[in-house]
Protein backbone atom coordinates (compact mmCIF):
# COMPACT_ATOMS: atom_id res chain seq x y z
CA MET A 1 -6.27 -9.80 19.96
CA GLN A 2 -3.27 -11.69 18.20
CA TRP A 3 -2.52 -13.42 15.01
CA GLN A 4 -0.86 -16.66 15.01
CA ARG A 5 0.38 -18.87 11.95
CA TYR A 6 0.22 -22.71 12.04
CA SER A 7 2.21 -24.95 10.42
CA ARG A 8 -0.23 -24.98 7.50
CA GLY A 9 0.44 -21.89 6.49
CA PHE A 10 -3.24 -20.20 7.07
CA ARG A 11 -3.76 -17.13 9.06
CA LEU A 12 -6.62 -17.41 11.71
CA ILE A 13 -7.84 -15.57 14.97
CA ILE A 14 -6.56 -16.90 18.11
CA LEU A 15 -7.91 -14.42 20.86
CA VAL A 16 -6.73 -14.90 24.31
CA GLY A 17 -8.66 -12.34 26.30
CA LEU A 18 -11.99 -12.61 27.85
CA LEU A 19 -14.02 -12.36 24.56
CA VAL A 20 -12.82 -15.21 22.02
CA GLY A 21 -14.85 -13.89 19.19
CA GLN A 22 -14.60 -11.23 16.72
CA PRO A 23 -12.96 -7.94 18.21
CA VAL A 24 -15.64 -5.17 18.83
CA ALA A 25 -14.87 -2.10 16.88
CA TRP A 26 -14.02 1.17 19.19
CA GLY A 27 -17.51 2.55 20.67
CA GLN A 28 -19.52 -0.69 19.59
CA GLN A 29 -22.11 -1.17 21.83
CA PRO A 30 -23.86 -4.73 22.36
CA LYS A 31 -27.29 -4.91 21.05
CA SER A 32 -29.94 -7.11 22.89
CA GLY A 33 -32.44 -9.30 20.90
CA GLY A 34 -32.25 -12.01 18.28
CA THR A 35 -31.62 -15.88 17.94
CA LEU A 36 -28.44 -17.39 17.83
CA THR A 37 -28.14 -20.88 15.77
CA VAL A 38 -25.35 -23.05 16.62
CA GLY A 39 -24.49 -26.16 14.89
CA LEU A 40 -23.38 -29.32 16.86
CA ALA A 41 -21.33 -31.97 15.64
CA ALA A 42 -23.19 -34.44 17.47
CA ASP A 43 -26.26 -35.10 19.33
CA ILE A 44 -26.42 -33.86 23.04
CA ALA A 45 -26.86 -37.30 25.09
CA HIS A 46 -28.96 -35.37 27.61
CA PHE A 47 -29.09 -32.68 30.31
CA ASP A 48 -28.32 -34.47 33.36
CA VAL A 49 -25.80 -31.90 34.81
CA PHE A 50 -24.48 -34.66 37.43
CA HIS A 51 -24.02 -37.23 34.88
CA ALA A 52 -23.08 -35.46 31.68
CA ILE A 53 -21.06 -36.73 28.59
CA GLY A 54 -20.12 -35.39 25.38
CA TYR A 55 -19.12 -31.84 24.63
CA GLU A 56 -22.33 -30.68 23.37
CA SER A 57 -24.14 -31.64 26.74
CA TYR A 58 -21.43 -29.45 28.23
CA TRP A 59 -21.89 -26.60 26.14
CA ALA A 60 -25.68 -26.34 26.63
CA LEU A 61 -25.67 -26.85 30.35
CA LYS A 62 -23.02 -24.30 30.98
CA ASN A 63 -25.35 -21.72 29.47
CA ILE A 64 -28.33 -23.25 31.62
CA HIS A 65 -26.21 -23.31 34.89
CA SER A 66 -24.22 -21.20 36.74
CA GLY A 67 -21.31 -21.83 39.61
CA LEU A 68 -19.68 -20.40 42.08
CA VAL A 69 -16.59 -19.54 39.81
CA ARG A 70 -15.47 -20.34 36.43
CA VAL A 71 -12.37 -20.03 34.63
CA ASP A 72 -10.96 -17.91 31.74
CA PRO A 73 -9.36 -18.52 28.46
CA GLN A 74 -6.12 -18.17 30.37
CA GLY A 75 -7.00 -20.60 32.94
CA ASN A 76 -7.50 -17.96 35.69
CA ILE A 77 -10.53 -18.38 37.95
CA ILE A 78 -13.07 -15.34 37.88
CA PRO A 79 -16.23 -14.96 39.99
CA ASP A 80 -19.68 -16.50 38.89
CA MET A 81 -22.51 -16.62 41.39
CA ALA A 82 -19.61 -15.75 44.05
CA THR A 83 -18.72 -12.15 44.00
CA SER A 84 -15.55 -12.97 45.99
CA TRP A 85 -13.87 -15.42 48.22
CA ASP A 86 -11.54 -15.92 51.41
CA ILE A 87 -9.22 -18.44 51.81
CA LYS A 88 -8.17 -19.29 55.51
CA ASP A 89 -6.80 -21.67 58.09
CA GLU A 90 -3.80 -22.14 55.51
CA GLY A 91 -5.75 -23.08 52.50
CA ARG A 92 -8.52 -25.25 54.49
CA THR A 93 -11.60 -22.81 54.88
CA TYR A 94 -13.19 -21.33 51.81
CA ILE A 95 -15.88 -18.69 52.37
CA PHE A 96 -17.75 -17.53 49.22
CA HIS A 97 -19.79 -14.33 49.11
CA LEU A 98 -22.64 -14.68 46.74
CA HIS A 99 -24.83 -12.39 44.76
CA LYS A 100 -27.99 -11.71 46.61
CA GLY A 101 -31.42 -12.54 45.31
CA ILE A 102 -29.99 -15.02 42.77
CA THR A 103 -33.05 -17.53 41.76
CA PHE A 104 -33.32 -20.59 39.67
CA HIS A 105 -35.48 -20.83 36.81
CA ASP A 106 -38.24 -22.16 38.54
CA GLY A 107 -38.24 -19.45 40.83
CA THR A 108 -36.89 -21.21 44.03
CA PRO A 109 -33.84 -19.28 45.57
CA ALA A 110 -30.04 -20.33 44.40
CA ASP A 111 -28.26 -19.32 47.62
CA ALA A 112 -26.07 -20.96 50.08
CA ALA A 113 -28.48 -23.39 51.17
CA ALA A 114 -29.04 -24.47 47.87
CA ILE A 115 -25.29 -24.59 46.89
CA LYS A 116 -24.82 -26.87 50.20
CA TRP A 117 -27.52 -29.16 48.93
CA ASN A 118 -25.54 -29.60 45.40
CA ILE A 119 -22.40 -30.45 47.21
CA GLU A 120 -23.62 -32.98 49.51
CA TYR A 121 -25.51 -34.41 46.36
CA ILE A 122 -22.29 -34.88 44.94
CA LEU A 123 -20.55 -36.37 47.77
CA ASP A 124 -23.47 -39.00 48.32
CA PRO A 125 -21.93 -42.26 47.03
CA ALA A 126 -25.56 -43.31 46.23
CA ASN A 127 -26.01 -40.72 43.75
CA THR A 128 -22.64 -41.89 41.78
CA VAL A 129 -22.03 -38.52 40.53
CA ASP A 130 -19.34 -38.43 38.10
CA THR A 131 -17.35 -35.54 39.73
CA ARG A 132 -17.41 -36.96 43.08
CA VAL A 133 -13.70 -37.62 43.06
CA PHE A 134 -12.96 -34.02 42.96
CA PHE A 135 -15.25 -33.28 46.13
CA ARG A 136 -13.81 -35.81 48.57
CA PRO A 137 -11.28 -33.44 50.13
CA ILE A 138 -14.50 -31.58 51.60
CA ALA A 139 -15.09 -32.09 55.23
CA ALA A 140 -18.11 -30.00 55.78
CA VAL A 141 -20.37 -27.33 54.01
CA ASP A 142 -22.03 -24.51 56.26
CA VAL A 143 -24.34 -21.96 55.54
CA LEU A 144 -23.25 -18.78 57.20
CA ASP A 145 -26.14 -16.60 55.76
CA ASP A 146 -28.31 -16.63 52.51
CA ALA A 147 -25.43 -15.24 50.58
CA THR A 148 -22.38 -16.55 52.60
CA LEU A 149 -21.03 -20.14 52.04
CA GLN A 150 -18.40 -21.97 54.05
CA ILE A 151 -16.39 -24.90 52.81
CA ARG A 152 -14.03 -26.74 54.98
CA LEU A 153 -11.51 -29.41 53.56
CA GLN A 154 -9.74 -32.03 55.39
CA GLU A 155 -6.57 -30.79 54.11
CA PRO A 156 -5.14 -28.08 52.07
CA SER A 157 -5.64 -28.47 48.24
CA ALA A 158 -3.63 -27.45 45.52
CA ASP A 159 -6.48 -27.22 42.86
CA PHE A 160 -9.84 -26.74 44.79
CA LEU A 161 -10.94 -23.42 42.96
CA MET A 162 -10.10 -25.14 39.80
CA VAL A 163 -12.36 -28.03 40.76
CA LEU A 164 -15.40 -25.58 41.26
CA GLY A 165 -14.39 -23.64 38.13
CA GLY A 166 -12.49 -25.66 35.42
CA TYR A 167 -12.44 -29.39 35.62
CA TYR A 168 -14.94 -30.94 33.73
CA MET A 169 -17.99 -28.80 33.57
CA GLY A 170 -16.78 -27.07 36.57
CA PHE A 171 -19.09 -26.99 39.48
CA LEU A 172 -22.75 -25.99 38.16
CA VAL A 173 -25.55 -25.67 40.50
CA ALA A 174 -28.89 -27.09 39.89
CA SER A 175 -32.37 -26.42 41.27
CA PRO A 176 -32.69 -28.93 44.37
CA THR A 177 -36.57 -28.69 43.80
CA ALA A 178 -36.31 -29.72 40.37
CA VAL A 179 -33.58 -32.57 41.00
CA GLN A 180 -35.95 -34.01 43.54
CA GLN A 181 -39.42 -33.36 41.68
CA TRP A 182 -38.11 -35.17 38.45
CA GLY A 183 -35.86 -37.91 40.01
CA LYS A 184 -34.33 -39.94 37.20
CA ASP A 185 -36.10 -37.67 34.50
CA TYR A 186 -34.35 -34.70 35.55
CA LYS A 187 -32.04 -35.20 32.66
CA PHE A 188 -35.06 -34.15 30.42
CA HIS A 189 -36.05 -31.18 32.63
CA PRO A 190 -32.50 -29.11 33.68
CA VAL A 191 -33.22 -25.93 35.99
CA GLY A 192 -30.37 -23.73 36.50
CA ALA A 193 -29.49 -20.42 37.39
CA GLY A 194 -27.72 -19.42 34.32
CA PRO A 195 -28.40 -16.91 31.59
CA PHE A 196 -30.74 -19.29 29.55
CA LYS A 197 -33.75 -21.34 30.24
CA PHE A 198 -34.45 -24.87 28.97
CA VAL A 199 -37.37 -24.96 26.56
CA GLU A 200 -37.58 -27.94 24.74
CA TRP A 201 -35.41 -30.84 23.15
CA THR A 202 -36.01 -32.99 20.17
CA PRO A 203 -33.18 -35.52 20.35
CA GLY A 204 -31.34 -35.83 17.05
CA GLN A 205 -32.70 -32.42 16.13
CA GLN A 206 -32.28 -29.58 18.28
CA ALA A 207 -32.55 -28.13 21.87
CA ILE A 208 -33.94 -24.53 22.42
CA LEU A 209 -32.81 -22.07 25.21
CA GLU A 210 -34.20 -18.62 26.08
CA LYS A 211 -33.37 -15.76 27.85
CA ASN A 212 -33.36 -15.83 31.64
CA GLU A 213 -35.20 -12.30 32.45
CA HIS A 214 -33.93 -12.57 36.35
CA TYR A 215 -30.45 -13.37 35.53
CA PHE A 216 -28.48 -12.10 38.32
CA LYS A 217 -25.94 -10.24 36.30
CA PRO A 218 -27.35 -6.66 35.21
CA GLY A 219 -27.89 -6.39 31.53
CA LEU A 220 -27.02 -10.15 30.63
CA PRO A 221 -27.79 -12.22 28.40
CA TYR A 222 -28.24 -10.07 25.34
CA LEU A 223 -29.61 -13.02 23.25
CA ASP A 224 -33.49 -13.82 23.30
CA ARG A 225 -32.91 -17.29 22.43
CA ILE A 226 -30.33 -20.14 21.39
CA MET A 227 -31.09 -22.89 18.97
CA LEU A 228 -28.69 -25.93 19.27
CA LYS A 229 -29.20 -27.94 16.18
CA THR A 230 -27.28 -31.27 15.41
CA MET A 231 -25.67 -31.43 12.03
CA LYS A 232 -23.57 -34.73 12.04
CA ASP A 233 -22.29 -33.99 8.91
CA ALA A 234 -18.93 -31.38 8.93
CA THR A 235 -19.54 -30.71 5.31
CA THR A 236 -23.31 -29.59 5.79
CA ARG A 237 -22.41 -27.52 8.93
CA ILE A 238 -19.83 -25.74 7.24
CA GLY A 239 -22.27 -25.00 4.38
CA ALA A 240 -24.85 -23.78 6.81
CA VAL A 241 -22.44 -21.59 8.42
CA ARG A 242 -21.16 -20.11 4.84
CA THR A 243 -25.00 -19.46 3.92
CA GLY A 244 -25.96 -17.93 7.34
CA GLU A 245 -28.42 -20.83 8.04
CA LEU A 246 -25.91 -21.19 11.22
CA ALA A 247 -24.14 -18.20 13.01
CA PHE A 248 -22.09 -20.56 14.95
CA ALA A 249 -20.63 -23.85 13.62
CA THR A 250 -18.99 -26.02 16.31
CA TRP A 251 -16.18 -28.41 15.74
CA ILE A 252 -14.59 -27.82 12.44
CA PRO A 253 -12.58 -30.78 11.39
CA LEU A 254 -8.51 -29.77 10.79
CA GLU A 255 -8.98 -30.60 7.21
CA MET A 256 -11.69 -28.21 6.78
CA VAL A 257 -10.23 -25.21 8.34
CA ARG A 258 -8.12 -23.92 5.44
CA VAL A 259 -11.39 -24.03 3.35
CA LEU A 260 -13.58 -22.20 5.89
CA GLU A 261 -10.99 -19.50 6.73
CA ARG A 262 -11.33 -18.30 3.09
CA VAL A 263 -15.12 -17.70 3.04
CA PRO A 264 -16.16 -13.93 3.33
CA GLY A 265 -17.86 -13.08 6.37
CA VAL A 266 -16.88 -16.26 8.53
CA GLN A 267 -14.09 -16.40 10.97
CA VAL A 268 -12.02 -19.56 11.97
CA VAL A 269 -11.36 -19.18 15.61
CA THR A 270 -9.45 -21.21 18.22
CA SER A 271 -8.26 -20.46 21.61
CA PRO A 272 -5.13 -21.34 24.16
CA MET A 273 -4.44 -25.26 23.62
CA TYR A 274 -5.17 -27.44 26.59
CA ASN A 275 -6.06 -30.55 24.99
CA VAL A 276 -4.94 -34.21 24.60
CA TRP A 277 -5.93 -36.98 22.06
CA ASP A 278 -5.43 -40.17 24.00
CA LEU A 279 -5.69 -43.72 23.42
CA ARG A 280 -7.93 -45.46 26.11
CA PHE A 281 -7.20 -49.21 26.96
CA ASN A 282 -9.57 -51.46 28.73
CA ALA A 283 -6.66 -52.53 31.22
CA ALA A 284 -9.60 -54.87 33.23
CA ARG A 285 -9.62 -57.57 30.45
CA PRO A 286 -7.42 -58.99 27.81
CA PRO A 287 -5.45 -58.40 25.71
CA PHE A 288 -4.63 -55.04 27.33
CA ASP A 289 -4.55 -55.92 30.82
CA ASP A 290 -1.07 -56.89 29.97
CA LEU A 291 1.59 -53.99 30.24
CA ARG A 292 3.46 -55.52 27.42
CA VAL A 293 0.89 -55.51 25.22
CA ARG A 294 0.23 -51.80 25.89
CA GLN A 295 3.72 -51.00 25.67
CA ALA A 296 3.76 -52.45 22.13
CA VAL A 297 0.61 -50.97 20.63
CA ALA A 298 0.76 -47.61 22.32
CA GLY A 299 4.61 -47.34 22.94
CA TYR A 300 7.49 -48.70 20.74
CA GLY A 301 4.93 -49.70 17.86
CA LEU A 302 3.05 -46.26 17.64
CA ASP A 303 4.60 -43.89 15.04
CA ARG A 304 3.18 -40.38 16.39
CA GLN A 305 5.00 -38.32 13.97
CA GLU A 306 3.28 -40.05 10.94
CA ILE A 307 -0.49 -39.72 12.90
CA LEU A 308 0.39 -36.15 13.47
CA LYS A 309 1.20 -35.45 9.81
CA LEU A 310 -1.48 -37.81 8.42
CA GLY A 311 -4.18 -38.13 10.96
CA PHE A 312 -4.19 -34.57 12.43
CA PHE A 313 -2.87 -32.84 8.99
CA GLY A 314 0.14 -31.63 10.87
CA TYR A 315 -1.63 -29.30 13.48
CA GLY A 316 -0.22 -29.31 16.75
CA GLN A 317 2.29 -31.69 18.26
CA PRO A 318 2.95 -35.62 19.10
CA SER A 319 2.80 -36.04 22.76
CA LEU A 320 2.84 -39.03 24.82
CA SER A 321 1.95 -37.33 28.15
CA MET A 322 -1.65 -37.25 29.21
CA LEU A 323 -1.04 -33.76 30.51
CA THR A 324 -1.77 -30.86 28.07
CA PRO A 325 0.46 -28.17 26.84
CA GLY A 326 -1.04 -25.36 29.21
CA MET A 327 -0.31 -27.03 32.28
CA PRO A 328 2.62 -26.04 34.34
CA GLY A 329 5.05 -29.21 34.27
CA TYR A 330 3.82 -30.44 31.13
CA ASN A 331 6.38 -32.60 28.96
CA SER A 332 5.75 -34.48 25.87
CA LEU A 333 7.83 -37.52 26.96
CA MET A 334 8.33 -38.59 23.39
CA GLU A 335 11.73 -39.68 24.36
CA ARG A 336 10.06 -42.26 26.85
CA TYR A 337 8.75 -44.78 23.91
CA PRO A 338 10.75 -43.80 20.68
CA TYR A 339 9.22 -45.52 17.41
CA ASP A 340 10.82 -48.76 17.63
CA PRO A 341 8.78 -51.64 15.60
CA GLN A 342 11.12 -54.47 16.52
CA LYS A 343 11.17 -53.65 20.08
CA ALA A 344 7.53 -53.64 19.62
CA LYS A 345 7.29 -57.27 17.96
CA ALA A 346 9.70 -58.36 20.87
CA LEU A 347 6.99 -57.29 23.56
CA LEU A 348 4.16 -59.10 21.58
CA GLN A 349 6.11 -62.46 21.59
CA GLU A 350 7.30 -62.17 25.02
CA ALA A 351 3.41 -61.58 25.84
CA GLY A 352 2.48 -64.62 23.76
CA TYR A 353 1.42 -63.33 20.37
CA GLY A 354 3.16 -63.91 16.84
CA PRO A 355 2.69 -65.46 13.25
CA GLY A 356 0.70 -68.37 14.77
CA HIS A 357 -1.17 -66.41 17.50
CA PRO A 358 -1.48 -62.81 16.08
CA LEU A 359 -2.75 -60.08 18.72
CA THR A 360 -6.30 -59.31 17.50
CA PHE A 361 -8.55 -56.64 18.86
CA THR A 362 -11.35 -54.05 18.26
CA PHE A 363 -10.89 -50.27 18.13
CA LEU A 364 -14.16 -48.70 18.88
CA SER A 365 -14.50 -45.17 17.39
CA PRO A 366 -17.24 -42.39 16.94
CA THR A 367 -18.28 -40.93 13.63
CA ILE A 368 -18.13 -37.15 15.10
CA GLU A 369 -15.06 -36.19 13.18
CA PRO A 370 -12.47 -37.65 10.35
CA ALA A 371 -9.64 -37.93 12.82
CA PHE A 372 -11.62 -40.47 14.69
CA THR A 373 -11.50 -42.36 11.39
CA ASN A 374 -8.08 -41.25 9.74
CA VAL A 375 -6.24 -41.90 13.14
CA PRO A 376 -7.61 -45.60 13.85
CA THR A 377 -6.84 -46.43 9.89
CA LEU A 378 -2.94 -45.31 10.32
CA LEU A 379 -3.02 -47.19 13.73
CA LYS A 380 -4.15 -50.46 11.99
CA ALA A 381 -1.80 -49.83 9.36
CA GLN A 382 1.20 -49.43 11.51
CA LEU A 383 0.49 -52.42 13.61
CA ALA A 384 -0.20 -54.62 10.99
CA ARG A 385 3.76 -54.36 10.50
CA LEU A 386 4.02 -56.03 14.11
CA GLY A 387 1.71 -58.92 12.74
CA ALA A 388 -1.27 -57.22 14.60
CA GLN A 389 -4.82 -57.51 13.47
CA MET A 390 -6.83 -54.49 14.26
CA LYS A 391 -10.68 -54.02 13.36
CA ILE A 392 -12.37 -50.56 13.66
CA GLU A 393 -16.15 -50.48 14.54
CA MET A 394 -17.37 -46.84 13.88
CA LEU A 395 -20.66 -45.86 16.06
CA ASP A 396 -22.66 -42.70 16.58
CA LYS A 397 -20.93 -40.61 19.28
CA VAL A 398 -23.83 -40.97 21.92
CA THR A 399 -23.93 -44.86 21.25
CA TRP A 400 -19.92 -44.74 21.59
CA MET A 401 -19.94 -42.60 24.92
CA ASP A 402 -22.52 -45.30 26.11
CA ARG A 403 -20.39 -48.53 25.13
CA PHE A 404 -17.11 -47.37 26.60
CA VAL A 405 -18.08 -44.75 29.21
CA ARG A 406 -21.18 -46.64 30.87
CA GLN A 407 -21.20 -50.21 29.57
CA HIS A 408 -17.49 -50.37 29.41
CA ASP A 409 -17.97 -52.80 26.51
CA PHE A 410 -14.64 -52.14 24.44
CA GLU A 411 -11.02 -53.13 24.22
CA VAL A 412 -9.44 -49.85 22.84
CA THR A 413 -10.78 -46.63 21.81
CA MET A 414 -9.70 -42.74 21.50
CA GLY A 415 -10.70 -39.59 22.74
CA ASN A 416 -10.09 -35.81 23.53
CA ILE A 417 -9.83 -34.24 26.90
CA THR A 418 -9.52 -30.79 27.61
CA ALA A 419 -7.95 -29.70 31.24
CA PHE A 420 -6.08 -27.05 33.10
CA ALA A 421 -4.45 -28.86 35.28
CA PRO A 422 -3.24 -32.48 36.40
CA GLY A 423 -5.94 -33.05 38.55
CA ALA A 424 -8.78 -33.00 36.08
CA MET A 425 -7.47 -36.24 34.68
CA ALA A 426 -8.12 -38.12 38.29
CA GLN A 427 -11.72 -38.21 37.07
CA PHE A 428 -10.63 -40.55 34.13
CA LEU A 429 -7.78 -42.50 36.08
CA GLU A 430 -8.46 -42.93 39.96
CA THR A 431 -9.78 -46.15 40.47
CA THR A 432 -12.76 -44.99 42.58
CA SER A 433 -14.19 -42.71 39.82
CA PRO A 434 -17.11 -43.61 38.11
CA LEU A 435 -14.93 -42.65 34.88
CA ASN A 436 -12.02 -44.72 35.40
CA LEU A 437 -12.16 -45.08 31.53
CA ALA A 438 -9.42 -47.91 31.58
CA ARG A 439 -11.09 -50.00 34.21
CA HIS A 440 -8.07 -50.66 35.97
CA SER A 441 -7.35 -51.22 39.59
CA ASP A 442 -3.90 -49.62 40.10
CA THR A 443 -4.29 -47.68 43.42
CA LYS A 444 -0.67 -46.37 43.16
CA VAL A 445 -2.62 -43.91 40.60
CA ASP A 446 -4.93 -42.68 43.36
CA GLU A 447 -2.00 -42.06 45.64
CA LEU A 448 -0.18 -40.06 43.21
CA PHE A 449 -3.26 -37.72 42.64
CA GLN A 450 -3.69 -37.19 46.04
CA GLN A 451 0.08 -36.67 46.59
CA TRP A 452 -0.25 -33.94 43.81
CA ARG A 453 -3.57 -32.31 45.18
CA THR A 454 -2.27 -31.80 48.61
CA THR A 455 1.20 -30.70 47.69
CA ALA A 456 0.97 -26.75 47.83
CA GLU A 457 4.67 -25.83 48.20
CA PRO A 458 5.69 -25.03 44.57
CA THR A 459 9.01 -27.12 44.32
CA ALA A 460 7.27 -30.06 45.82
CA HIS A 461 4.05 -29.70 43.61
CA ALA A 462 6.26 -29.77 40.37
CA GLN A 463 7.97 -32.73 41.73
CA ALA A 464 4.59 -34.03 42.32
CA THR A 465 3.46 -33.30 38.63
CA GLU A 466 6.40 -35.10 37.38
CA ARG A 467 5.88 -38.27 39.59
CA LEU A 468 2.36 -38.45 38.49
CA GLN A 469 3.05 -37.82 34.48
CA ASP A 470 5.99 -40.14 34.53
CA TYR A 471 3.99 -42.89 36.17
CA LEU A 472 0.92 -42.54 33.74
CA ALA A 473 3.27 -42.78 30.99
CA ASP A 474 4.81 -46.02 32.33
CA LYS A 475 1.48 -47.58 32.55
CA LEU A 476 -0.18 -46.63 29.68
CA TYR A 477 -3.79 -46.91 30.88
CA LEU A 478 -4.65 -43.67 28.75
CA VAL A 479 -1.90 -42.27 26.66
CA GLY A 480 -1.25 -39.22 25.02
CA LEU A 481 -1.10 -39.20 21.01
CA ALA A 482 -1.08 -35.46 20.28
CA ASN A 483 -2.31 -31.96 21.40
CA THR A 484 -3.89 -29.90 18.52
CA PRO A 485 -5.81 -26.72 18.26
CA PHE A 486 -9.56 -26.69 18.13
CA PHE A 487 -11.85 -24.57 16.12
CA HIS A 488 -15.18 -23.19 15.70
CA GLY A 489 -16.40 -21.40 12.45
CA VAL A 490 -18.47 -17.93 13.40
CA ARG A 491 -20.29 -15.78 11.37
CA ASP A 492 -18.73 -11.91 11.85
CA SER A 493 -21.95 -10.45 13.16
CA VAL A 494 -21.62 -12.67 15.99
CA LYS A 495 -19.83 -10.99 19.00
CA GLY A 496 -19.29 -11.57 23.00
CA TYR A 497 -19.09 -15.29 23.12
CA THR A 498 -16.14 -17.33 25.18
CA PHE A 499 -14.80 -20.47 24.79
CA VAL A 500 -11.76 -22.29 25.89
CA ASP A 501 -10.50 -25.36 23.75
CA LYS A 502 -13.32 -27.89 23.48
CA LEU A 503 -14.23 -27.53 27.39
CA HIS A 504 -16.16 -24.41 27.82
CA LEU A 505 -18.31 -22.39 25.48
CA TYR A 506 -20.38 -19.38 26.97
CA PHE A 507 -22.92 -17.34 25.31
CA GLU A 508 -24.12 -15.19 28.20
CA ALA A 509 -22.50 -12.07 26.79
CA ALA A 510 -22.88 -12.78 23.13
CA TRP A 511 -24.97 -10.61 20.91
CA LEU A 512 -25.54 -10.27 17.34
CA GLU A 513 -24.61 -7.44 14.99
CA ARG A 514 -27.66 -6.41 12.85
């Protein structure tokens, strides 16, 4: 455990080991039983592991399912369903050795054949799986026996294990029987092999998970039940963890961290920083199909220092890069677009906008936390200095995600991406990905990701990272605003949980001190 002081002057716990939570006293043994109540800042959209959107869905699904491997808070790949693996043929062949006798919650075998079925389901274009872009390097999947799986790649990959463990939700394995039985309704009936079983979901209120008595890791989980309760209002969520109604309050807004960290019996916890707040433009339609407009709005016309100070309350650092601070090769690229309103005005004039024909557009934003209101408000004021007119439309998070992710009905929005390596961004930026957020058609982006993915020699790989990072900054389809820490509020009685920034939250080894 280590203590870290942020610029706001408060102290909080940042734990960078496998247990990101309150340290366990010497000789203290985990206790079995009890119900963990967790407060979510937004509704769970659904439980379809192949099309999940929203961190709340990710957190639930990671505790219902298991995968071949997973990632720890330092970005290291560690075993999960696989106990070990061999890499052969200069990185073209991976052989995974599985725990024997794993079963899904429906009693069917979670063996090598089931894992092969999941990979082939992802690879089938007809299923439009969001993560297919990550799995395209796979040439073949072979079942060597019930507990041994071989995956052959078309060419060596610099990030294949991270694809399986750290990108998006990682590769989570669903019951083939359940997926085929429920079809499109599988999103209401998830079946995995993870530490907790799905019991019920009342949309907008709560989801209940119960202990998997047949979990393949001996002695785990400790908890009997997890209740995931939707509490959209941050003040309500914080009040509930103060009183003990909640044991774990997720997503503490930055401006409320100092208040909560003074509450006896509650810890405000964070982890290593792997996230980027970003602007997302719809580059498939006016006005942001014009690079000059994107450069004016997200480059020279944007005062990131002011946004960090007022929008994110001084936490973290401004950044233009779409990479995150935890990634090798990260560079904020702040020098690429220094704040220059006059240059921004000139670009808008060149694109045909001016006093008689002002740039007008709508900024779509969710209501999940104040930053999603504060930042657009600041952006609106900054762009007004350029003569631009920006309208802000606030939506419930689930509605917002559907509107811009699935319907592509937006001009510009903002979001936050957590990632361990540049390859994770391919899902949001490659032209062939269902989650090509900018809706752009620039295949040069695909080529750069492919070069990065298939370059293993360290110096050449670093150069591929730099080329990718620079090109994304040039084109501004998605562009960074800032990198900030992420916080949960947790009662002292909660032990053993693991989380990494926004992306991963595991209760497999969590327990309650009573």
